Protein backbone atom coordinates (compact mmCIF):
# COMPACT_ATOMS: atom_id res chain seq x y z
CA UNK A 1 -29.87 14.05 -1.89
CA UNK A 2 -27.88 16.98 -3.61
CA UNK A 3 -26.26 16.60 -6.94
CA UNK A 4 -27.85 13.26 -7.87
CA UNK A 5 -25.05 11.46 -5.29
CA UNK A 6 -25.57 7.76 -5.23
CA UNK A 7 -24.78 6.65 -1.61
CA UNK A 8 -23.74 3.43 -0.52
CA UNK A 9 -25.52 2.02 2.65
CA UNK A 10 -24.96 -0.97 4.54
CA UNK A 11 -27.68 -3.00 6.91
CA UNK A 12 -27.33 -6.09 7.75
CA UNK A 13 -23.81 -6.90 6.13
CA UNK A 14 -25.85 -6.37 2.57
CA UNK A 15 -25.54 -2.81 0.43
CA UNK A 16 -27.89 -0.82 -1.46
CA UNK A 17 -27.93 2.28 -3.04
CA UNK A 18 -30.33 5.26 -3.46
CA UNK A 19 -29.70 8.43 -6.16
CA UNK A 20 -29.11 7.49 -9.71
CA UNK A 21 -27.04 10.42 -10.55
CA UNK A 22 -23.73 10.52 -12.46
CA UNK A 23 -22.16 12.60 -9.55
CA UNK A 24 -21.24 9.95 -6.64
CA UNK A 25 -20.27 12.19 -3.25
CA UNK A 26 -17.68 10.09 -1.02
CA UNK A 27 -15.54 11.21 1.56
CA UNK A 28 -12.11 9.64 2.02
CA UNK A 29 -8.75 9.58 4.14
CA UNK A 30 -6.46 8.25 1.79
CA UNK A 31 -4.04 5.41 2.67
CA UNK A 32 -6.30 3.83 5.14
CA UNK A 33 -9.79 4.77 3.55
CA UNK A 34 -11.33 5.93 6.55
CA UNK A 35 -14.33 7.59 6.16
CA UNK A 36 -16.61 9.21 9.22
CA UNK A 37 -20.08 8.40 8.65
CA UNK A 38 -20.79 7.55 5.22
CA UNK A 39 -20.65 3.83 5.28
CA UNK A 40 -21.62 1.71 8.23
CA UNK A 41 -21.23 -1.94 8.63
CA UNK A 42 -23.51 -3.44 10.54
CA UNK A 43 -25.71 -0.48 11.04
CA UNK A 44 -28.83 0.58 9.41
CA UNK A 45 -29.65 3.42 7.67
CA UNK A 46 -27.67 5.93 5.45
CA UNK A 47 -26.41 9.32 5.85
CA UNK A 48 -24.98 12.20 3.54
CA UNK A 49 -21.97 14.28 3.76
CA UNK A 50 -23.64 16.58 6.75
CA UNK A 51 -24.99 13.70 8.85
CA UNK A 52 -22.14 11.88 9.92
CA UNK A 53 -22.70 8.43 12.44
CA UNK A 54 -22.03 9.15 15.88
CA UNK A 55 -22.21 7.20 19.51
CA UNK A 56 -24.75 8.24 22.33
CA UNK A 57 -22.17 11.06 23.61
CA UNK A 58 -22.02 12.44 20.05
CA UNK A 59 -18.38 11.35 18.96
CA UNK A 60 -17.90 10.73 15.50
CA UNK A 61 -17.60 6.91 14.08
CA UNK A 62 -14.92 5.96 12.10
CA UNK A 63 -15.64 3.38 9.41
CA UNK A 64 -13.90 1.68 6.54
CA UNK A 65 -14.71 2.95 2.88
CA UNK A 66 -15.52 0.36 0.98
CA UNK A 67 -16.57 1.75 -2.23
CA UNK A 68 -15.33 4.78 -4.11
CA UNK A 69 -17.23 6.38 -7.23
CA UNK A 70 -19.14 2.92 -7.47
CA UNK A 71 -16.14 0.75 -7.32
CA UNK A 72 -14.92 -1.71 -4.54
CA UNK A 73 -11.96 -0.91 -2.58
CA UNK A 74 -9.44 -3.90 -2.05
CA UNK A 75 -8.93 -4.83 1.56
CA UNK A 76 -10.41 -1.96 2.68
CA UNK A 77 -10.21 -2.93 6.57
CA UNK A 78 -6.71 -4.35 6.60
CA UNK A 79 -4.96 -4.56 10.10
CA UNK A 80 -1.18 -2.84 10.00
CA UNK A 81 -0.86 -4.41 12.95
CA UNK A 82 -0.51 -8.03 11.30
CA UNK A 83 2.23 -6.34 8.58
CA UNK A 84 5.00 -7.75 9.96
CA UNK A 85 6.62 -11.52 9.58
CA UNK A 86 7.49 -13.64 12.38
CA UNK A 87 10.99 -12.96 14.46
CA UNK A 88 13.81 -14.25 12.90
CA UNK A 89 17.54 -15.38 14.33
CA UNK A 90 20.33 -13.86 13.90
CA UNK A 91 22.94 -16.22 12.45
CA UNK A 92 25.19 -15.82 15.82
CA UNK A 93 22.90 -15.38 18.41
CA UNK A 94 25.93 -14.41 20.62
CA UNK A 95 26.61 -10.83 18.19
CA UNK A 96 23.19 -10.15 17.50
CA UNK A 97 22.18 -6.60 17.79
CA UNK A 98 19.23 -5.27 20.48
CA UNK A 99 18.92 -1.65 19.45
CA UNK A 100 19.06 -0.22 15.40
CA UNK A 101 18.57 3.44 14.47
CA UNK A 102 17.83 3.75 11.09
CA UNK A 103 18.36 7.11 8.74
CA UNK A 104 15.79 6.42 5.96
CA UNK A 105 12.31 5.28 6.73
CA UNK A 106 12.80 3.23 3.17
CA UNK A 107 14.86 0.70 5.03
CA UNK A 108 12.41 -0.01 7.64
CA UNK A 109 10.26 -2.51 5.42
CA UNK A 110 13.11 -5.17 5.60
CA UNK A 111 13.03 -4.85 8.89
CA UNK A 112 9.44 -5.50 9.30
CA UNK A 113 9.96 -8.40 7.20
CA UNK A 114 12.37 -9.65 8.89
CA UNK A 115 10.64 -9.31 12.52
CA UNK A 116 12.48 -7.30 14.32
CA UNK A 117 10.60 -3.92 14.43
CA UNK A 118 11.04 -3.81 18.00
CA UNK A 119 14.38 -3.49 17.99
CA UNK A 120 14.34 -0.04 16.13
CA UNK A 121 14.80 2.64 18.46
CA UNK A 122 14.78 5.82 16.44
CA UNK A 123 14.29 7.03 12.92
CA UNK A 124 16.27 9.97 11.76
CA UNK A 125 13.47 11.51 9.84
CA UNK A 126 10.79 13.98 10.06
CA UNK A 127 7.38 13.24 12.25
CA UNK A 128 4.97 10.94 10.42
CA UNK A 129 7.56 9.86 7.75
CA UNK A 130 7.68 6.02 8.65
CA UNK A 131 4.46 4.50 6.02
CA UNK A 132 1.47 3.77 7.94
CA UNK A 133 0.90 0.07 6.15
CA UNK A 134 4.51 -1.00 8.62
CA UNK A 135 1.95 -1.13 11.51
CA UNK A 136 2.29 0.26 14.75
CA UNK A 137 4.97 -1.20 16.17
CA UNK A 138 7.05 0.95 13.63
CA UNK A 139 4.67 3.92 13.29
CA UNK A 140 5.01 4.52 17.36
CA UNK A 141 9.02 4.60 16.72
CA UNK A 142 10.51 8.40 17.61
CA UNK A 143 11.40 9.98 14.91
CA UNK A 144 14.05 12.34 15.62
CA UNK A 145 15.12 14.62 12.90
CA UNK A 146 18.17 14.25 10.66
CA UNK A 147 20.46 16.11 12.73
CA UNK A 148 19.58 14.66 16.66
CA UNK A 149 21.19 16.57 19.21
CA UNK A 150 23.61 14.65 21.70
CA UNK A 151 20.88 13.81 24.39
CA UNK A 152 18.73 12.18 21.70
CA UNK A 153 21.45 10.22 20.78
CA UNK A 154 22.14 9.08 24.29
CA UNK A 155 19.14 8.28 24.57
CA UNK A 156 18.82 6.21 21.15
CA UNK A 157 22.43 3.94 22.17
CA UNK A 158 22.33 2.17 19.14
CA UNK A 159 24.44 -0.63 18.48
CA UNK A 160 24.07 0.10 14.61
CA UNK A 161 22.78 2.65 12.48
CA UNK A 162 21.49 1.36 9.53
CA UNK A 163 21.74 3.81 6.33
CA UNK A 164 21.85 5.05 2.87
CA UNK A 165 24.12 6.85 0.84
CA UNK A 166 21.91 9.86 0.70
CA UNK A 167 21.29 9.81 4.36
CA UNK A 168 24.67 8.88 5.56
CA UNK A 169 24.68 12.52 7.21
CA UNK A 170 22.41 11.51 9.85
CA UNK A 171 24.43 8.44 11.08
CA UNK A 172 27.62 11.20 12.10
CA UNK A 173 25.78 11.89 14.78
CA UNK A 174 26.29 8.48 16.35
CA UNK A 175 30.27 8.95 16.14
CA UNK A 176 31.98 5.57 16.79
CA UNK A 177 28.61 3.58 16.62
CA UNK A 178 29.06 0.84 13.66
CA UNK A 179 27.20 2.10 10.70
CA UNK A 180 26.01 -0.46 8.29
CA UNK A 181 25.16 1.66 4.69
CA UNK A 182 22.70 0.01 2.35
CA UNK A 183 23.75 0.82 -1.44
CA UNK A 184 20.78 1.70 -4.02
CA UNK A 185 18.63 -1.13 -5.69
CA UNK A 186 15.48 -2.94 -6.24
CA UNK A 187 13.64 -4.04 -3.42
CA UNK A 188 15.19 -7.55 -3.21
CA UNK A 189 18.74 -6.83 -3.36
CA UNK A 190 18.21 -4.12 -0.49
CA UNK A 191 16.43 -6.54 1.87
CA UNK A 192 19.32 -9.04 0.98
CA UNK A 193 21.54 -6.47 2.10
CA UNK A 194 19.90 -5.40 5.15
CA UNK A 195 19.40 -8.61 6.39
CA UNK A 196 23.83 -9.25 5.86
CA UNK A 197 23.82 -6.13 8.01
CA UNK A 198 21.79 -7.04 10.84
CA UNK A 199 23.41 -10.59 11.14
CA UNK A 200 20.52 -12.70 9.30
CA UNK A 201 22.14 -13.37 6.09
CA UNK A 202 21.03 -16.46 5.77
CA UNK A 203 17.39 -15.33 6.29
CA UNK A 204 17.25 -13.33 3.60
CA UNK A 205 17.27 -15.33 0.70
CA UNK A 206 14.82 -17.90 2.62
CA UNK A 207 12.17 -15.06 3.37
CA UNK A 208 12.44 -14.36 -0.61
CA UNK A 209 12.08 -17.91 -1.79
CA UNK A 210 9.10 -18.53 0.22
CA UNK A 211 7.56 -15.43 -0.93
CA UNK A 212 8.29 -16.26 -4.64
CA UNK A 213 7.08 -19.88 -4.15
CA UNK A 214 3.54 -18.83 -2.03
CA UNK A 215 3.54 -16.10 -5.26
CA UNK A 216 3.50 -18.88 -7.79
CA UNK A 217 1.26 -21.05 -6.10
CA UNK A 218 -1.29 -18.38 -5.94
CA UNK A 219 -0.86 -17.79 -9.74
CA UNK A 220 -1.55 -21.60 -10.29
CA UNK A 221 -4.77 -21.87 -7.76
CA UNK A 222 -6.18 -18.66 -9.51
CA UNK A 223 -5.44 -19.20 -12.70
CA UNK A 224 -3.46 -15.99 -12.94
CA UNK A 225 -1.95 -17.07 -16.25
CA UNK A 226 -5.59 -16.48 -18.07
CA UNK A 227 -6.00 -12.91 -16.51
CA UNK A 228 -5.03 -9.97 -18.39
CA UNK A 229 -4.42 -7.20 -15.55
CA UNK A 230 -4.36 -3.29 -15.88
CA UNK A 231 -2.57 -1.15 -13.88
CA UNK A 232 -3.92 2.44 -13.46
CA UNK A 233 -2.36 5.05 -11.46
CA UNK A 234 -4.54 8.34 -11.21
CA UNK A 235 -2.66 11.71 -10.57
CA UNK A 236 -3.59 15.27 -10.42
CA UNK A 237 -5.57 15.66 -13.80
CA UNK A 238 -3.77 12.51 -15.07
CA UNK A 239 -3.90 9.03 -15.30
CA UNK A 240 -1.21 6.72 -16.04
CA UNK A 241 -0.73 2.64 -16.74
CA UNK A 242 2.43 1.68 -14.30
CA UNK A 243 5.00 -0.64 -16.53
CA UNK A 244 5.80 -4.08 -15.52
CA UNK A 245 8.87 -2.41 -13.68
CA UNK A 246 6.73 -1.09 -11.22
CA UNK A 247 6.63 -2.78 -7.71
CA UNK A 248 3.09 -3.53 -7.98
CA UNK A 249 4.30 -4.84 -11.92
CA UNK A 250 6.79 -7.03 -10.85
CA UNK A 251 4.35 -8.85 -8.12
CA UNK A 252 2.00 -9.58 -10.70
CA UNK A 253 5.01 -11.20 -12.87
CA UNK A 254 6.14 -13.31 -10.09
CA UNK A 255 2.33 -14.51 -9.31
CA UNK A 256 2.02 -15.05 -13.06
CA UNK A 257 -0.61 -12.52 -14.27
CA UNK A 258 -0.93 -11.17 -17.68
CA UNK A 259 -1.11 -7.78 -19.02
CA UNK A 260 -2.57 -6.66 -22.09
CA UNK A 261 -0.29 -6.24 -24.69
CA UNK A 262 -0.20 -2.08 -24.54
CA UNK A 263 0.81 -2.95 -20.63
CA UNK A 264 4.19 -4.95 -21.38
CA UNK A 265 6.72 -2.34 -21.04
CA UNK A 266 8.56 -1.92 -18.47
CA UNK A 267 8.10 2.12 -18.10
CA UNK A 268 5.35 4.60 -17.61
CA UNK A 269 2.39 5.38 -20.10
CA UNK A 270 0.60 8.42 -19.93
CA UNK A 271 -2.72 7.95 -20.92
CA UNK A 272 -4.12 10.04 -23.70
CA UNK A 273 -7.48 10.80 -25.69
CA UNK A 274 -5.77 8.46 -28.10
CA UNK A 275 -4.63 5.70 -26.00
CA UNK A 276 -7.07 5.64 -23.30
CA UNK A 277 -8.40 2.43 -24.01
CA UNK A 278 -5.47 0.92 -23.39
CA UNK A 279 -6.19 1.14 -19.67
CA UNK A 280 -8.70 -1.60 -20.51
CA UNK A 281 -8.42 -5.15 -19.83
CA UNK A 282 -10.09 -8.22 -18.02
CA UNK A 283 -9.75 -6.98 -14.86
CA UNK A 284 -8.60 -3.04 -13.97
CA UNK A 285 -6.83 -2.17 -10.72
CA UNK A 286 -6.73 1.32 -9.69
CA UNK A 287 -5.16 3.74 -7.48
CA UNK A 288 -4.49 7.34 -6.41
CA UNK A 289 -1.88 9.41 -6.25
CA UNK A 290 -2.76 11.92 -3.01
CA UNK A 291 -5.79 13.79 -2.68
CA UNK A 292 -5.67 15.21 -6.16
CA UNK A 293 -5.40 12.29 -7.38
CA UNK A 294 -8.68 10.73 -5.59
CA UNK A 295 -10.29 13.70 -6.89
CA UNK A 296 -9.58 13.15 -10.42
CA UNK A 297 -9.90 9.42 -10.28
CA UNK A 298 -13.12 9.49 -8.78
CA UNK A 299 -14.34 12.09 -12.22
CA UNK A 300 -13.02 9.32 -14.55
CA UNK A 301 -14.26 6.53 -12.56
CA UNK A 302 -17.57 8.04 -13.25
CA UNK A 303 -17.38 9.28 -17.11
CA UNK A 304 -18.59 8.10 -20.02
CA UNK A 305 -15.69 7.17 -21.62
CA UNK A 306 -14.31 4.90 -18.51
CA UNK A 307 -17.87 3.13 -18.51
CA UNK A 308 -17.99 2.29 -22.10
CA UNK A 309 -14.60 0.59 -21.64
CA UNK A 310 -15.06 -3.72 -21.29
CA UNK A 311 -13.73 -3.93 -17.82
CA UNK A 312 -16.08 -1.15 -16.22
CA UNK A 313 -18.97 -2.54 -18.32
CA UNK A 314 -18.49 -5.78 -16.55
CA UNK A 315 -17.50 -4.34 -13.16
CA UNK A 316 -14.23 -5.39 -12.69
CA UNK A 317 -12.33 -2.76 -11.60
CA UNK A 318 -10.82 -2.22 -8.05
CA UNK A 319 -9.48 0.31 -6.16
CA UNK A 320 -5.92 -0.55 -4.48
CA UNK A 321 -3.36 1.38 -1.82
CA UNK A 322 -1.19 3.71 -3.83
CA UNK A 323 0.95 3.43 -0.83
CA UNK A 324 1.66 -0.25 -1.11
CA UNK A 325 1.30 -1.21 -4.38
CA UNK A 326 3.52 1.61 -5.09
CA UNK A 327 5.24 4.24 -3.14
CA UNK A 328 6.66 1.69 -0.91
CA UNK A 329 8.53 -1.46 -1.64
CA UNK A 330 9.93 -4.39 0.10
CA UNK A 331 9.28 -7.72 1.27
CA UNK A 332 6.86 -6.77 3.74
CA UNK A 333 4.49 -4.58 1.06
CA UNK A 334 5.36 -7.35 -1.12
CA UNK A 335 3.07 -9.81 1.15
CA UNK A 336 0.26 -7.13 1.66
CA UNK A 337 0.26 -6.76 -2.76
CA UNK A 338 -0.14 -10.91 -3.11
CA UNK A 339 -2.79 -10.84 -0.03
CA UNK A 340 -4.74 -8.26 -1.93
CA UNK A 341 -4.25 -10.14 -5.53
CA UNK A 342 -5.47 -13.61 -3.59
CA UNK A 343 -8.77 -11.70 -2.19
CA UNK A 344 -9.76 -9.92 -5.72
CA UNK A 345 -8.09 -11.36 -8.55
CA UNK A 346 -11.54 -13.08 -9.14
CA UNK A 347 -13.69 -10.55 -7.85
CA UNK A 348 -15.48 -7.81 -9.28
CA UNK A 349 -16.67 -4.56 -8.31
CA UNK A 350 -19.88 -5.18 -7.40
CA UNK A 351 -23.31 -4.22 -8.80
CA UNK A 352 -24.66 -0.83 -8.80
């Protein structure tokens, strides 16, 4: 095996490892953490980077990556088709909207959480701008560009255009159609505004309360108050600690998880040689900002200075999806983060 790589194999549901070098190599597609041929659940044997698993007709088998740099990935087989919540009813069924155009993809999370993604007929944004975690119902909605032509506007024929101050110019193409502008704010305030704008004012507070209640129950069941959790994000040749005001930090706070004393500030803290050990805790959740963050993060996770800290020594490091935990925010994403915590707070990164 080249470069002393450590290849994790799955056979009959059990993992084994071959190779003992410090340099491990795993191919990854970010976001969904999908890799062709490196891991195969239920299939015996291993493959290196040049030998992908294939079907008898030669097609590559795509399987979920469960580990990166000897660290387990949380929720590697997440089913995004189940992200959105159950459909909510309008406060006035007779006046309910049936066709929604959205000018800012960031508003789609709230619609997903309201369970009415099927009502979205178009998004005035570039292709592939709808977050993948929202699932196929919303990622399949046509993205019609920021300046749709008359024919496209006619096809969309919305009852309401949901917009933000930064994307309001796109709403002008829809003429006299009712426009609801969602002002900037934290994710809870935005969710409430979207619920109000779509005739579900009574649903907003109810759904937020349901989330908070479940988060607090989770904290009590898992004794979260006695867990100190670190949040580390790897970027291009950098690593930072996410503050308490980050999306993931807010969810952990609602659950009742504690942060190390050095991580109880709102803003981001850049890690340097002087404060590197501030990343340590009872459990460290790490994530990667894009492909550059993945490449750098893998190097750090296998470095001596990282492995010499307490959590890595006790294999209490886990990888989470940066898109869900940080880059997106909203009630639908909050449930995904909470479910990640439920399945991992008392877990570990596995044995080598």
